[in-house]
Amino acid sequence: MEKTCLECGEKIRGRTDKKFCSDYCRNSHHNKANKETSNLVRNINNLLRRNHRILEELNPTGKTSVPKSKLLSKGFDFEHFTSIYTTKTGNQYYFVYDQGYLKLDHDFYALVKRN
């Protein structure tokens, strides 16, 4: 029984358990299969990276406060973060990896870096 490539349909030579005729066909097949989930993950990772870069840029010392308008002007997206830390007093810090922020009064945010 001759096997054919799952991607291009050509005859496969070599090992009996091969599914593709070449690395190109194997990569092409898997890229097509994972395209939708890859785009979603890639877009969210890009948003998280941008948020992290903004927090890191605005917080060089490890602890500061900035107005919400400054975060928004740089393109910060408050809906994408990696974790939430709730203190004993009930304050919620939102973290993007090691960079965090806490909403303060008068549209200000405290920026912190987790050690």
Protein backbone atom coordinates (compact mmCIF):
# COMPACT_ATOMS: atom_id res chain seq x y z
CA MET A 1 0.00 0.00 0.00
CA GLU A 2 1.43 3.36 -1.04
CA LYS A 3 0.93 6.30 1.26
CA THR A 4 0.36 9.83 -0.01
CA CYS A 5 1.29 13.15 1.55
CA LEU A 6 -1.53 14.68 3.63
CA GLU A 7 -0.71 18.13 2.23
CA CYS A 8 0.08 17.76 -1.48
CA GLY A 9 -0.98 14.17 -2.26
CA GLU A 10 2.40 13.06 -3.63
CA LYS A 11 3.70 9.55 -3.05
CA ILE A 12 5.69 9.21 0.19
CA ARG A 13 9.05 7.47 0.21
CA GLY A 14 10.97 6.39 3.28
CA ARG A 15 9.70 5.33 6.68
CA THR A 16 6.36 3.58 6.85
CA ASP A 17 4.94 5.97 9.46
CA LYS A 18 5.64 9.18 7.48
CA LYS A 19 2.64 11.40 6.81
CA PHE A 20 4.26 14.12 4.69
CA CYS A 21 6.66 14.06 1.76
CA SER A 22 8.76 16.98 3.01
CA ASP A 23 9.29 19.43 5.86
CA TYR A 24 7.64 22.12 3.72
CA CYS A 25 4.42 20.08 3.43
CA ARG A 26 4.47 19.18 7.15
CA ASN A 27 4.90 22.82 8.18
CA SER A 28 2.32 24.03 5.69
CA HIS A 29 -0.24 21.49 6.92
CA HIS A 30 0.26 22.36 10.60
CA ASN A 31 0.29 26.12 9.95
CA LYS A 32 -3.08 25.85 8.18
CA ALA A 33 -4.52 23.72 10.97
CA ASN A 34 -3.39 26.11 13.73
CA LYS A 35 -3.97 29.40 11.92
CA GLU A 36 -7.05 30.60 13.82
CA THR A 37 -5.81 29.86 17.32
CA SER A 38 -2.35 31.14 16.46
CA ASN A 39 -3.75 34.52 15.38
CA LEU A 40 -5.80 34.89 18.56
CA VAL A 41 -2.86 34.00 20.82
CA ARG A 42 -0.47 36.19 18.82
CA ASN A 43 -2.80 39.22 19.06
CA ILE A 44 -3.30 38.82 22.82
CA ASN A 45 0.43 38.35 23.40
CA ASN A 46 1.10 41.52 21.40
CA LEU A 47 -1.39 43.44 23.60
CA LEU A 48 0.20 42.09 26.78
CA ARG A 49 3.70 42.96 25.53
CA ARG A 50 2.60 46.50 24.68
CA ASN A 51 0.96 46.94 28.10
CA HIS A 52 4.10 45.62 29.83
CA ARG A 53 6.35 47.92 27.81
CA ILE A 54 4.18 50.97 28.70
CA LEU A 55 4.17 50.14 32.43
CA GLU A 56 7.92 49.51 32.39
CA GLU A 57 8.56 52.83 30.60
CA LEU A 58 6.40 54.85 33.00
CA ASN A 59 7.74 53.09 36.12
CA PRO A 60 11.56 53.09 35.93
CA THR A 61 12.04 53.25 39.72
CA GLY A 62 9.69 50.41 40.67
CA LYS A 63 6.97 52.55 42.28
CA THR A 64 5.25 55.68 40.99
CA SER A 65 1.86 57.15 40.17
CA VAL A 66 0.59 58.43 36.83
CA PRO A 67 -2.67 59.87 35.52
CA LYS A 68 -4.96 57.57 33.55
CA SER A 69 -4.72 59.93 30.57
CA LYS A 70 -0.97 59.26 30.28
CA LEU A 71 -1.54 55.50 30.16
CA LEU A 72 -4.29 55.89 27.56
CA SER A 73 -2.24 58.27 25.41
CA LYS A 74 0.46 55.60 25.11
CA GLY A 75 -2.11 52.99 24.05
CA PHE A 76 -2.52 51.07 27.33
CA ASP A 77 -5.41 48.56 27.31
CA PHE A 78 -6.92 48.09 30.78
CA GLU A 79 -8.78 44.93 29.72
CA HIS A 80 -5.65 42.82 29.17
CA PHE A 81 -3.55 41.73 32.16
CA THR A 82 -2.05 38.47 33.38
CA SER A 83 -3.10 38.33 37.05
CA ILE A 84 -4.88 40.09 39.90
CA TYR A 85 -3.43 40.42 43.39
CA THR A 86 -5.82 41.34 46.22
CA THR A 87 -4.25 42.77 49.37
CA LYS A 88 -5.48 42.12 52.92
CA THR A 89 -7.19 45.52 52.84
CA GLY A 90 -9.09 44.58 49.68
CA ASN A 91 -7.13 46.62 47.13
CA GLN A 92 -6.79 44.91 43.76
CA TYR A 93 -3.55 45.22 41.84
CA TYR A 94 -3.68 44.20 38.19
CA PHE A 95 -0.44 42.75 36.88
CA VAL A 96 1.02 42.38 33.41
CA TYR A 97 3.71 39.83 34.22
CA ASP A 98 5.86 41.65 36.84
CA GLN A 99 4.48 45.18 36.27
CA GLY A 100 1.33 46.11 38.19
CA TYR A 101 -1.10 48.97 38.64
CA LEU A 102 -3.69 50.01 41.22
CA LYS A 103 -6.51 52.49 40.60
CA LEU A 104 -6.28 55.48 42.93
CA ASP A 105 -8.54 58.50 43.43
CA HIS A 106 -8.93 61.26 40.82
CA ASP A 107 -8.10 59.03 37.81
CA PHE A 108 -4.56 58.27 38.96
CA TYR A 109 -2.88 54.87 39.00
CA ALA A 110 -0.13 53.59 41.26
CA LEU A 111 2.45 51.62 39.26
CA VAL A 112 4.51 48.95 41.01
CA LYS A 113 6.99 46.26 40.11
CA ARG A 114 6.72 42.83 41.73
CA ASN A 115 10.01 41.41 43.01
